[in-house]
C-alpha atoms as a PDB file:
ATOM      1  CA  MET A   1       3.713  13.442  -0.419  1.00  0.00           C
ATOM      2  CA  HIS A   2       6.211  14.018  -3.442  1.00  0.00           C
ATOM      3  CA  SER A   3       9.331  15.944  -2.525  1.00  0.00           C
ATOM      4  CA  GLN A   4       8.165  17.740  -6.106  1.00  0.00           C
ATOM      5  CA  THR A   5       4.819  18.614  -4.831  1.00  0.00           C
ATOM      6  CA  LYS A   6       6.292  20.652  -1.762  1.00  0.00           C
ATOM      7  CA  ARG A   7       8.804  22.051  -4.096  1.00  0.00           C
ATOM      8  CA  ASN A   8       6.036  23.373  -6.370  1.00  0.00           C
ATOM      9  CA  ALA A   9       4.216  25.531  -3.295  1.00  0.00           C
ATOM     10  CA  LEU A  10       7.611  27.005  -1.993  1.00  0.00           C
ATOM     11  CA  LEU A  11       7.780  28.261  -5.917  1.00  0.00           C
ATOM     12  CA  HIS A  12       4.615  29.532  -6.068  1.00  0.00           C
ATOM     13  CA  ALA A  13       5.146  31.680  -2.894  1.00  0.00           C
ATOM     14  CA  LEU A  14       7.751  32.763  -4.059  1.00  0.00           C
ATOM     15  CA  TYR A  15       6.437  33.772  -7.302  1.00  0.00           C
ATOM     16  CA  ALA A  16       3.146  34.956  -5.104  1.00  0.00           C
ATOM     17  CA  LEU A  17       6.350  37.292  -3.340  1.00  0.00           C
ATOM     18  CA  ASP A  18       6.809  38.840  -6.564  1.00  0.00           C
ATOM     19  CA  GLY A  19       9.986  36.721  -6.713  1.00  0.00           C
ATOM     20  CA  ASP A  20      12.248  37.817  -4.067  1.00  0.00           C
ATOM     21  CA  GLU A  21      13.728  35.314  -1.889  1.00  0.00           C
ATOM     22  CA  SER A  22      14.258  37.267   0.938  1.00  0.00           C
ATOM     23  CA  LYS A  23      10.283  38.615   2.014  1.00  0.00           C
ATOM     24  CA  LEU A  24      10.023  34.354   1.367  1.00  0.00           C
ATOM     25  CA  ALA A  25      12.446  33.918   3.693  1.00  0.00           C
ATOM     26  CA  ALA A  26      11.351  36.558   6.253  1.00  0.00           C
ATOM     27  CA  ALA A  27       7.574  35.415   5.696  1.00  0.00           C
ATOM     28  CA  LEU A  28       8.267  31.424   6.602  1.00  0.00           C
ATOM     29  CA  GLY A  29      10.609  32.490   8.842  1.00  0.00           C
ATOM     30  CA  ILE A  30      13.841  30.507   8.362  1.00  0.00           C
ATOM     31  CA  SER A  31      16.696  31.727   5.956  1.00  0.00           C
ATOM     32  CA  VAL A  32      17.705  32.734   2.517  1.00  0.00           C
ATOM     33  CA  ASP A  33      20.039  29.668   2.003  1.00  0.00           C
ATOM     34  CA  ASP A  34      17.242  27.337   3.794  1.00  0.00           C
ATOM     35  CA  VAL A  35      15.028  29.079   1.019  1.00  0.00           C
ATOM     36  CA  LEU A  36      17.069  28.293  -2.001  1.00  0.00           C
ATOM     37  CA  ASN A  37      18.211  24.517  -0.399  1.00  0.00           C
ATOM     38  CA  TYR A  38      14.474  23.403  -0.053  1.00  0.00           C
ATOM     39  CA  LEU A  39      13.579  24.843  -3.917  1.00  0.00           C
ATOM     40  CA  HIS A  40      17.304  23.545  -5.004  1.00  0.00           C
ATOM     41  CA  GLY A  41      15.527  19.995  -3.437  1.00  0.00           C
ATOM     42  CA  GLN A  42      19.248  19.589  -1.826  1.00  0.00           C
ATOM     43  CA  HIS A  43      16.628  19.842   2.091  1.00  0.00           C
ATOM     44  CA  GLU A  44      13.518  18.086   2.087  1.00  0.00           C
ATOM     45  CA  LEU A  45      11.184  20.630   2.678  1.00  0.00           C
ATOM     46  CA  PRO A  46       9.137  20.628   5.963  1.00  0.00           C
ATOM     47  CA  ILE A  47       5.790  20.443   6.453  1.00  0.00           C
ATOM     48  CA  PRO A  48       5.506  23.322   8.784  1.00  0.00           C
ATOM     49  CA  VAL A  49       7.286  25.997   5.925  1.00  0.00           C
ATOM     50  CA  LEU A  50       4.633  23.669   3.180  1.00  0.00           C
ATOM     51  CA  LEU A  51       2.064  24.897   5.167  1.00  0.00           C
ATOM     52  CA  LYS A  52       3.340  28.489   5.332  1.00  0.00           C
ATOM     53  CA  ALA A  53       4.246  28.396   1.913  1.00  0.00           C
ATOM     54  CA  VAL A  54       0.670  27.250   0.918  1.00  0.00           C
ATOM     55  CA  ARG A  55      -1.083  29.991   3.313  1.00  0.00           C
ATOM     56  CA  ILE A  56       0.756  32.627   1.380  1.00  0.00           C
ATOM     57  CA  VAL A  57      -0.149  31.432  -2.299  1.00  0.00           C
ATOM     58  CA  LEU A  58      -4.096  31.191  -0.794  1.00  0.00           C
ATOM     59  CA  SER A  59      -3.689  34.891   0.577  1.00  0.00           C
ATOM     60  CA  LYS A  60      -1.178  35.983  -2.548  1.00  0.00           C
ATOM     61  CA  THR A  61      -4.867  34.800  -5.209  1.00  0.00           C
ATOM     62  CA  LYS A  62      -7.851  35.341  -2.670  1.00  0.00           C
ATOM     63  CA  VAL A  63      -9.153  31.758  -2.781  1.00  0.00           C
ATOM     64  CA  ASP A  64     -11.671  31.658  -0.451  1.00  0.00           C
ATOM     65  CA  SER A  65     -12.062  30.124   3.036  1.00  0.00           C
ATOM     66  CA  ALA A  66     -13.469  26.978   1.892  1.00  0.00           C
ATOM     67  CA  THR A  67     -11.333  26.157  -0.573  1.00  0.00           C
ATOM     68  CA  GLN A  68      -8.068  27.174   2.092  1.00  0.00           C
ATOM     69  CA  ARG A  69      -9.715  24.412   4.673  1.00  0.00           C
ATOM     70  CA  ASP A  70     -10.021  21.744   1.984  1.00  0.00           C
ATOM     71  CA  VAL A  71      -6.429  22.482   1.044  1.00  0.00           C
ATOM     72  CA  PHE A  72      -4.989  22.479   4.326  1.00  0.00           C
ATOM     73  CA  ARG A  73      -7.228  19.270   4.510  1.00  0.00           C
ATOM     74  CA  LYS A  74      -5.768  17.215   2.137  1.00  0.00           C
ATOM     75  CA  ILE A  75      -2.505  18.118   3.543  1.00  0.00           C
ATOM     76  CA  LYS A  76      -3.223  16.875   6.446  1.00  0.00           C
ATOM     77  CA  GLU A  77      -4.534  13.502   5.075  1.00  0.00           C
ATOM     78  CA  ALA A  78      -1.524  13.151   2.964  1.00  0.00           C
ATOM     79  CA  ARG A  79       0.834  13.725   6.021  1.00  0.00           C
ATOM     80  CA  LYS A  80      -1.664  11.354   7.963  1.00  0.00           C
ATOM     81  CA  ARG A  81      -0.724   8.545   5.276  1.00  0.00           C
ATOM     82  CA  ARG A  82       3.060   8.471   5.432  1.00  0.00           C
ATOM     83  CA  THR A  83       3.234   7.827   8.886  1.00  0.00           C
END
């Protein structure tokens, strides 16, 4: 998965949490510094953090369960292709 795509998911999660980096960091279980480093492309966003960010976006946009499953399936498939 392209790093810009990962950053976009993180950015959408940030918007879903009112643009508050502290809230996003807490929801992802990482530091605010890490959030900023990922957003600015200074570090590669790890897949576990990406999955948490996607869950935030999906929960805030109230996407149905079937769509959520499809999104996570696509992420897993993309991850398998990389390895």
